[in-house]
Amino acid sequence: MKNYYYTLAALETIRLEEKIPISEDYFLQFAKDTIDAKGYQILLKCRWGLTEPTGFSFADRVLAWEKELRLELAKARILKLPFDIPPDLPDPDGKFNLLEQVRAVIALDSPLDAELYLDQLRWSFLVETGARHYFDLEALVVYYLKLQLALRRNKLQEELGRDSFKKEYAAVADR
């Protein structure tokens, strides 16, 4: 297994609640310049929401967790609808047992609070999953996924989100 001492040691620490020290483009270029081509290609496939296998079991496990979380959320949200819709969703495989976390998200009143909770849940999963990895590809995958979460969090703006939500809600309510 390859180690990426220089790459990981040179990257600044990322925290979910703080300003991000680097851009995604900078990170990807730095990774391309400092790791082997195979590792870089795996890294490029590590994006939240993608379901295609990366060919790297660690990354595939993280992305399977995310897929299960999204399926559980979708099922829970469908059940909250005031009309009957047959859930035409694949069943989650249940490897990760995310029902309690999904119930907590669904119980939140604010969409923003739900998104912040989900970000924290994803972050905690990455911290736990990557706990024994320091200078390997697994650690680099965790770093990249954390970077994506933190960049997304920085884009959330309450005013714009509220306006967008009201606009979408009004469009649905007018039907």
C-alpha atoms as a PDB file:
ATOM      1  CA  MET A   1       0.000   0.000   0.000  1.00  0.00           C
ATOM      2  CA  LYS A   2       1.339   3.403  -1.002  1.00  0.00           C
ATOM      3  CA  ASN A   3       1.821   6.147   1.509  1.00  0.00           C
ATOM      4  CA  TYR A   4       1.390   9.805   0.727  1.00  0.00           C
ATOM      5  CA  TYR A   5       3.389  11.410   3.524  1.00  0.00           C
ATOM      6  CA  TYR A   6       4.253  14.587   1.651  1.00  0.00           C
ATOM      7  CA  THR A   7       0.788  15.103   0.191  1.00  0.00           C
ATOM      8  CA  LEU A   8      -1.129  14.725   3.432  1.00  0.00           C
ATOM      9  CA  ALA A   9       1.426  16.538   5.583  1.00  0.00           C
ATOM     10  CA  ALA A  10       1.341  19.534   3.231  1.00  0.00           C
ATOM     11  CA  LEU A  11      -2.456  19.901   3.335  1.00  0.00           C
ATOM     12  CA  GLU A  12      -4.004  22.292   5.813  1.00  0.00           C
ATOM     13  CA  THR A  13      -6.481  21.023   8.377  1.00  0.00           C
ATOM     14  CA  ILE A  14     -10.135  21.315   7.431  1.00  0.00           C
ATOM     15  CA  ARG A  15     -12.868  21.976   9.963  1.00  0.00           C
ATOM     16  CA  LEU A  16     -16.528  21.909   9.061  1.00  0.00           C
ATOM     17  CA  GLU A  17     -17.415  25.128  10.847  1.00  0.00           C
ATOM     18  CA  GLU A  18     -14.468  27.238   9.665  1.00  0.00           C
ATOM     19  CA  LYS A  19     -13.315  29.005   6.520  1.00  0.00           C
ATOM     20  CA  ILE A  20     -11.776  26.563   4.062  1.00  0.00           C
ATOM     21  CA  PRO A  21      -8.041  27.088   3.488  1.00  0.00           C
ATOM     22  CA  ILE A  22      -7.976  25.670  -0.076  1.00  0.00           C
ATOM     23  CA  SER A  23     -10.237  25.298  -3.075  1.00  0.00           C
ATOM     24  CA  GLU A  24     -11.276  21.987  -4.572  1.00  0.00           C
ATOM     25  CA  ASP A  25      -9.407  22.810  -7.783  1.00  0.00           C
ATOM     26  CA  TYR A  26      -6.213  23.503  -5.837  1.00  0.00           C
ATOM     27  CA  PHE A  27      -6.579  20.248  -3.913  1.00  0.00           C
ATOM     28  CA  LEU A  28      -7.139  18.189  -7.055  1.00  0.00           C
ATOM     29  CA  GLN A  29      -4.190  19.766  -8.843  1.00  0.00           C
ATOM     30  CA  PHE A  30      -1.965  19.246  -5.794  1.00  0.00           C
ATOM     31  CA  ALA A  31      -3.069  15.606  -5.564  1.00  0.00           C
ATOM     32  CA  LYS A  32      -2.456  15.106  -9.278  1.00  0.00           C
ATOM     33  CA  ASP A  33       1.055  16.496  -8.873  1.00  0.00           C
ATOM     34  CA  THR A  34       1.962  14.470  -5.773  1.00  0.00           C
ATOM     35  CA  ILE A  35       0.296  11.036  -5.979  1.00  0.00           C
ATOM     36  CA  ASP A  36       0.344   8.225  -8.502  1.00  0.00           C
ATOM     37  CA  ALA A  37      -2.107   8.167 -11.423  1.00  0.00           C
ATOM     38  CA  LYS A  38      -4.115   5.214 -10.087  1.00  0.00           C
ATOM     39  CA  GLY A  39      -4.656   6.890  -6.715  1.00  0.00           C
ATOM     40  CA  TYR A  40      -5.606  10.122  -8.422  1.00  0.00           C
ATOM     41  CA  GLN A  41      -8.200   8.386 -10.630  1.00  0.00           C
ATOM     42  CA  ILE A  42      -9.750   6.787  -7.541  1.00  0.00           C
ATOM     43  CA  LEU A  43      -9.812  10.151  -5.807  1.00  0.00           C
ATOM     44  CA  LEU A  44     -11.668  11.719  -8.732  1.00  0.00           C
ATOM     45  CA  LYS A  45     -14.442   9.130  -8.314  1.00  0.00           C
ATOM     46  CA  CYS A  46     -14.927  10.015  -4.631  1.00  0.00           C
ATOM     47  CA  ARG A  47     -17.779  12.496  -4.710  1.00  0.00           C
ATOM     48  CA  TRP A  48     -20.778  12.696  -2.439  1.00  0.00           C
ATOM     49  CA  GLY A  49     -23.838  11.353  -4.195  1.00  0.00           C
ATOM     50  CA  LEU A  50     -22.035   9.192  -6.739  1.00  0.00           C
ATOM     51  CA  THR A  51     -23.037   5.558  -6.646  1.00  0.00           C
ATOM     52  CA  GLU A  52     -20.684   4.043  -9.194  1.00  0.00           C
ATOM     53  CA  PRO A  53     -17.986   1.849  -7.632  1.00  0.00           C
ATOM     54  CA  THR A  54     -14.592   3.496  -7.437  1.00  0.00           C
ATOM     55  CA  GLY A  55     -12.620   0.263  -7.491  1.00  0.00           C
ATOM     56  CA  PHE A  56     -11.281   1.055  -4.033  1.00  0.00           C
ATOM     57  CA  SER A  57     -13.063  -0.800  -1.224  1.00  0.00           C
ATOM     58  CA  PHE A  58     -12.599   1.930   1.389  1.00  0.00           C
ATOM     59  CA  ALA A  59     -14.147   4.614  -0.825  1.00  0.00           C
ATOM     60  CA  ASP A  60     -16.876   2.233  -1.947  1.00  0.00           C
ATOM     61  CA  ARG A  61     -17.793   1.606   1.696  1.00  0.00           C
ATOM     62  CA  VAL A  62     -18.091   5.352   2.380  1.00  0.00           C
ATOM     63  CA  LEU A  63     -20.195   5.891  -0.732  1.00  0.00           C
ATOM     64  CA  ALA A  64     -22.386   2.877   0.155  1.00  0.00           C
ATOM     65  CA  TRP A  65     -23.033   4.503   3.543  1.00  0.00           C
ATOM     66  CA  GLU A  66     -24.084   7.715   1.785  1.00  0.00           C
ATOM     67  CA  LYS A  67     -26.340   5.797  -0.606  1.00  0.00           C
ATOM     68  CA  GLU A  68     -28.031   4.039   2.306  1.00  0.00           C
ATOM     69  CA  LEU A  69     -28.496   7.358   4.104  1.00  0.00           C
ATOM     70  CA  ARG A  70     -30.134   8.894   1.030  1.00  0.00           C
ATOM     71  CA  LEU A  71     -32.418   5.887   0.509  1.00  0.00           C
ATOM     72  CA  GLU A  72     -33.529   5.934   4.142  1.00  0.00           C
ATOM     73  CA  LEU A  73     -34.180   9.677   3.924  1.00  0.00           C
ATOM     74  CA  ALA A  74     -36.185   9.276   0.733  1.00  0.00           C
ATOM     75  CA  LYS A  75     -38.312   6.512   2.258  1.00  0.00           C
ATOM     76  CA  ALA A  76     -38.955   8.567   5.400  1.00  0.00           C
ATOM     77  CA  ARG A  77     -39.869  11.661   3.391  1.00  0.00           C
ATOM     78  CA  ILE A  78     -42.279   9.712   1.171  1.00  0.00           C
ATOM     79  CA  LEU A  79     -44.052   8.388   4.249  1.00  0.00           C
ATOM     80  CA  LYS A  80     -44.604  11.973   5.462  1.00  0.00           C
ATOM     81  CA  LEU A  81     -46.458  12.982   2.303  1.00  0.00           C
ATOM     82  CA  PRO A  82     -50.207  13.591   2.773  1.00  0.00           C
ATOM     83  CA  PHE A  83     -51.156  11.252  -0.075  1.00  0.00           C
ATOM     84  CA  ASP A  84     -50.397   7.696  -1.001  1.00  0.00           C
ATOM     85  CA  ILE A  85     -47.429   7.168  -3.250  1.00  0.00           C
ATOM     86  CA  PRO A  86     -46.092   3.673  -3.623  1.00  0.00           C
ATOM     87  CA  PRO A  87     -42.435   3.845  -2.646  1.00  0.00           C
ATOM     88  CA  ASP A  88     -40.653   2.858  -5.823  1.00  0.00           C
ATOM     89  CA  LEU A  89     -37.249   2.852  -4.195  1.00  0.00           C
ATOM     90  CA  PRO A  90     -34.731   0.079  -3.802  1.00  0.00           C
ATOM     91  CA  ASP A  91     -34.457  -1.213  -0.279  1.00  0.00           C
ATOM     92  CA  PRO A  92     -31.319  -0.119   1.553  1.00  0.00           C
ATOM     93  CA  ASP A  93     -29.152  -3.056   2.462  1.00  0.00           C
ATOM     94  CA  GLY A  94     -29.210  -2.093   6.140  1.00  0.00           C
ATOM     95  CA  LYS A  95     -25.464  -2.516   6.689  1.00  0.00           C
ATOM     96  CA  PHE A  96     -25.165   0.783   8.498  1.00  0.00           C
ATOM     97  CA  ASN A  97     -28.399   0.973  10.538  1.00  0.00           C
ATOM     98  CA  LEU A  98     -29.168   4.635   9.954  1.00  0.00           C
ATOM     99  CA  LEU A  99     -32.821   4.673  11.028  1.00  0.00           C
ATOM    100  CA  GLU A 100     -32.261   6.643  14.247  1.00  0.00           C
ATOM    101  CA  GLN A 101     -30.255   9.312  12.452  1.00  0.00           C
ATOM    102  CA  VAL A 102     -32.898   9.580   9.734  1.00  0.00           C
ATOM    103  CA  ARG A 103     -35.657   9.933  12.311  1.00  0.00           C
ATOM    104  CA  ALA A 104     -33.692  12.741  13.946  1.00  0.00           C
ATOM    105  CA  VAL A 105     -33.361  14.543  10.598  1.00  0.00           C
ATOM    106  CA  ILE A 106     -37.037  14.133   9.749  1.00  0.00           C
ATOM    107  CA  ALA A 107     -38.023  15.514  13.170  1.00  0.00           C
ATOM    108  CA  LEU A 108     -36.226  18.806  12.512  1.00  0.00           C
ATOM    109  CA  ASP A 109     -38.512  21.685  11.532  1.00  0.00           C
ATOM    110  CA  SER A 110     -36.066  23.679   9.453  1.00  0.00           C
ATOM    111  CA  PRO A 111     -34.600  22.448   6.153  1.00  0.00           C
ATOM    112  CA  LEU A 112     -31.418  24.323   7.047  1.00  0.00           C
ATOM    113  CA  ASP A 113     -31.197  22.547  10.401  1.00  0.00           C
ATOM    114  CA  ALA A 114     -31.705  19.234   8.609  1.00  0.00           C
ATOM    115  CA  GLU A 115     -28.885  20.006   6.154  1.00  0.00           C
ATOM    116  CA  LEU A 116     -26.551  21.062   8.957  1.00  0.00           C
ATOM    117  CA  TYR A 117     -27.381  17.887  10.873  1.00  0.00           C
ATOM    118  CA  LEU A 118     -26.723  15.746   7.791  1.00  0.00           C
ATOM    119  CA  ASP A 119     -23.405  17.479   7.181  1.00  0.00           C
ATOM    120  CA  GLN A 120     -22.376  16.828  10.780  1.00  0.00           C
ATOM    121  CA  LEU A 121     -23.495  13.202  10.466  1.00  0.00           C
ATOM    122  CA  ARG A 122     -21.409  12.749   7.314  1.00  0.00           C
ATOM    123  CA  TRP A 123     -18.422  14.476   8.921  1.00  0.00           C
ATOM    124  CA  SER A 124     -18.624  12.253  12.005  1.00  0.00           C
ATOM    125  CA  PHE A 125     -18.815   9.156   9.836  1.00  0.00           C
ATOM    126  CA  LEU A 126     -15.682  10.254   7.972  1.00  0.00           C
ATOM    127  CA  VAL A 127     -13.814  10.928  11.208  1.00  0.00           C
ATOM    128  CA  GLU A 128     -14.770   7.515  12.559  1.00  0.00           C
ATOM    129  CA  THR A 129     -14.068   5.655   9.321  1.00  0.00           C
ATOM    130  CA  GLY A 130     -10.738   7.332   8.742  1.00  0.00           C
ATOM    131  CA  ALA A 131      -9.537   7.133  12.353  1.00  0.00           C
ATOM    132  CA  ARG A 132      -6.772   4.593  11.661  1.00  0.00           C
ATOM    133  CA  HIS A 133      -5.576   6.077   8.411  1.00  0.00           C
ATOM    134  CA  TYR A 134      -2.908   8.752   8.369  1.00  0.00           C
ATOM    135  CA  PHE A 135      -0.793   8.847   5.236  1.00  0.00           C
ATOM    136  CA  ASP A 136      -2.481   6.398   2.892  1.00  0.00           C
ATOM    137  CA  LEU A 137      -5.023   6.709   0.102  1.00  0.00           C
ATOM    138  CA  GLU A 138      -7.826   6.176   2.611  1.00  0.00           C
ATOM    139  CA  ALA A 139      -6.726   9.312   4.483  1.00  0.00           C
ATOM    140  CA  LEU A 140      -6.629  11.241   1.217  1.00  0.00           C
ATOM    141  CA  VAL A 141     -10.147  10.069   0.326  1.00  0.00           C
ATOM    142  CA  VAL A 142     -11.391  11.171   3.761  1.00  0.00           C
ATOM    143  CA  TYR A 143      -9.694  14.546   3.315  1.00  0.00           C
ATOM    144  CA  TYR A 144     -11.293  15.058  -0.102  1.00  0.00           C
ATOM    145  CA  LEU A 145     -14.768  14.132   1.105  1.00  0.00           C
ATOM    146  CA  LYS A 146     -14.375  16.420   4.120  1.00  0.00           C
ATOM    147  CA  LEU A 147     -13.265  19.201   1.789  1.00  0.00           C
ATOM    148  CA  GLN A 148     -16.398  18.740  -0.307  1.00  0.00           C
ATOM    149  CA  LEU A 149     -18.595  18.898   2.807  1.00  0.00           C
ATOM    150  CA  ALA A 150     -16.859  21.986   4.152  1.00  0.00           C
ATOM    151  CA  LEU A 151     -17.039  23.800   0.806  1.00  0.00           C
ATOM    152  CA  ARG A 152     -20.722  22.989   0.541  1.00  0.00           C
ATOM    153  CA  ARG A 153     -21.298  24.231   4.085  1.00  0.00           C
ATOM    154  CA  ASN A 154     -19.577  27.513   3.241  1.00  0.00           C
ATOM    155  CA  LYS A 155     -22.023  28.025   0.366  1.00  0.00           C
ATOM    156  CA  LEU A 156     -25.110  27.737   2.569  1.00  0.00           C
ATOM    157  CA  GLN A 157     -26.628  31.137   3.165  1.00  0.00           C
ATOM    158  CA  GLU A 158     -29.745  31.321   5.296  1.00  0.00           C
ATOM    159  CA  GLU A 159     -31.356  34.267   3.503  1.00  0.00           C
ATOM    160  CA  LEU A 160     -30.919  32.798   0.014  1.00  0.00           C
ATOM    161  CA  GLY A 161     -32.038  29.386   1.213  1.00  0.00           C
ATOM    162  CA  ARG A 162     -35.177  30.779   2.832  1.00  0.00           C
ATOM    163  CA  ASP A 163     -36.053  32.745  -0.318  1.00  0.00           C
ATOM    164  CA  SER A 164     -35.461  29.708  -2.521  1.00  0.00           C
ATOM    165  CA  PHE A 165     -37.545  27.491  -0.235  1.00  0.00           C
ATOM    166  CA  LYS A 166     -40.453  29.968  -0.216  1.00  0.00           C
ATOM    167  CA  LYS A 167     -40.344  30.230  -4.015  1.00  0.00           C
ATOM    168  CA  GLU A 168     -40.329  26.432  -4.479  1.00  0.00           C
ATOM    169  CA  TYR A 169     -43.014  25.924  -1.834  1.00  0.00           C
ATOM    170  CA  ALA A 170     -45.255  28.523  -3.471  1.00  0.00           C
ATOM    171  CA  ALA A 171     -44.845  26.838  -6.853  1.00  0.00           C
ATOM    172  CA  VAL A 172     -45.868  23.473  -5.393  1.00  0.00           C
ATOM    173  CA  ALA A 173     -48.731  24.945  -3.349  1.00  0.00           C
ATOM    174  CA  ASP A 174     -50.198  26.675  -6.416  1.00  0.00           C
ATOM    175  CA  ARG A 175     -50.667  23.382  -8.270  1.00  0.00           C
END
